[in-house]
Every structure is written in structure tokens, then in C-alpha cells.
Protein backbone atom coordinates (compact mmCIF):
# COMPACT_ATOMS: atom_id res chain seq x y z
CA PRO A 1 -9.13 -7.70 22.48
CA PRO A 2 -9.56 -5.27 19.59
CA GLY A 3 -7.51 -6.31 16.59
CA ALA A 4 -7.04 -9.95 17.68
CA LEU A 5 -9.72 -11.43 15.50
CA ALA A 6 -8.21 -9.79 12.44
CA CYS A 7 -4.86 -11.49 13.30
CA ALA A 8 -6.58 -14.86 13.67
CA GLY A 9 -8.22 -14.43 10.28
CA CYS A 10 -4.91 -14.71 8.50
CA HIS A 11 -2.85 -16.56 11.05
CA ALA A 12 -5.25 -19.14 12.46
CA ALA A 13 -4.10 -22.49 11.03
CA ALA A 14 -1.38 -23.03 8.50
CA PRO A 15 1.06 -25.81 7.84
CA ALA A 16 4.60 -25.47 9.17
CA GLY A 17 6.64 -23.00 7.15
CA ALA A 18 3.58 -21.48 5.50
CA ALA A 19 3.12 -17.77 5.03
CA PRO A 20 1.51 -16.28 6.89
CA PRO A 21 2.52 -18.53 9.80
CA ALA A 22 0.07 -19.94 12.30
CA LEU A 23 0.16 -17.92 15.53
CA LEU A 24 -2.53 -19.54 17.68
CA GLY A 25 -1.11 -21.16 20.77
CA ARG A 26 2.42 -19.77 20.36
CA PRO A 27 4.05 -18.18 23.45
CA ALA A 28 2.74 -14.72 24.22
CA GLY A 29 6.23 -13.24 24.75
CA GLU A 30 7.34 -14.48 21.30
CA LEU A 31 4.26 -13.02 19.63
CA ALA A 32 4.58 -9.65 21.39
CA GLN A 33 8.21 -9.38 20.41
CA MET A 34 7.43 -10.16 16.81
CA MET A 35 4.85 -7.35 16.78
CA ARG A 36 7.36 -4.95 18.36
CA ASP A 37 9.96 -5.95 15.75
CA PHE A 38 7.52 -5.35 12.93
CA ARG A 39 6.56 -2.01 14.46
CA SER A 40 10.20 -0.87 14.76
CA GLY A 41 11.19 -2.13 11.33
CA THR A 42 13.63 -4.71 12.76
CA LEU A 43 11.51 -7.49 11.21
CA ALA A 44 10.56 -7.12 7.57
CA GLY A 45 7.18 -8.06 6.21
CA THR A 46 4.59 -7.11 3.68
CA ILE A 47 1.58 -5.86 5.65
CA MET A 48 2.61 -6.52 9.26
CA PRO A 49 4.95 -3.48 9.61
CA ARG A 50 2.09 -1.19 8.68
CA LEU A 51 -0.50 -3.01 10.80
CA SER A 52 1.72 -3.21 13.89
CA ARG A 53 2.25 0.57 13.96
CA GLY A 54 -1.44 0.87 14.75
CA PHE A 55 -1.08 -0.90 18.10
CA ASP A 56 0.29 0.53 21.33
CA GLU A 57 2.19 -1.58 23.84
CA ALA A 58 -0.88 -2.54 25.89
CA GLU A 59 -2.71 -3.63 22.75
CA ILE A 60 0.25 -5.70 21.61
CA GLU A 61 0.41 -7.46 24.96
CA ALA A 62 -3.34 -8.10 25.01
CA ILE A 63 -3.38 -9.49 21.48
CA ALA A 64 -0.30 -11.65 22.19
CA GLN A 65 -1.89 -13.07 25.33
CA TRP A 66 -5.13 -13.79 23.50
CA LEU A 67 -3.45 -15.50 20.55
CA ALA A 68 -1.37 -17.61 22.97
CA THR A 69 -4.50 -19.01 24.56
CA GLN A 70 -6.29 -19.89 21.33
CA ARG A 71 -6.15 -23.19 19.45
CA ALA A 72 -6.74 -23.85 15.78
CA PRO A 73 -10.19 -25.30 14.96
């Protein structure tokens, strides 16, 4: 979905505890909630609060579903 490849560019594969954290293969519900929390300001971040405001609910769900089905190379 639009926007998802940009997410994977920064969040594809990272060691545990790294920033930005790896998102590929994580549960879709968890990913979508994180995006909502960034969008609402509940979750602090550097660039994610600004980026997440550009996505509507359907886009957040689509991106979360896509990321959940991907695996790191």
C-alpha cells in the first residue's frame, strides 16, 4: 500500500532495542495502534508523529497489515 515501502526503508531489519525498531512481521494490531498513538501524540517520537498525521485510518490499517506479512531479508 502507499507509504508502506517508506516505512520498511527505515524499519526493515534492526537488532533488538535498536532505533528505529524493526517492524516487519510484528502483529498488525500492534503496528496500527502505534501509528494511531503517534498520530494522536500519545506516543512521542522524532519523525513518526509528523508522518503518521499524513495517514487516514484505512491507510494505517493497510500499512500495518502489509508490514505484518513481511519478513526481513
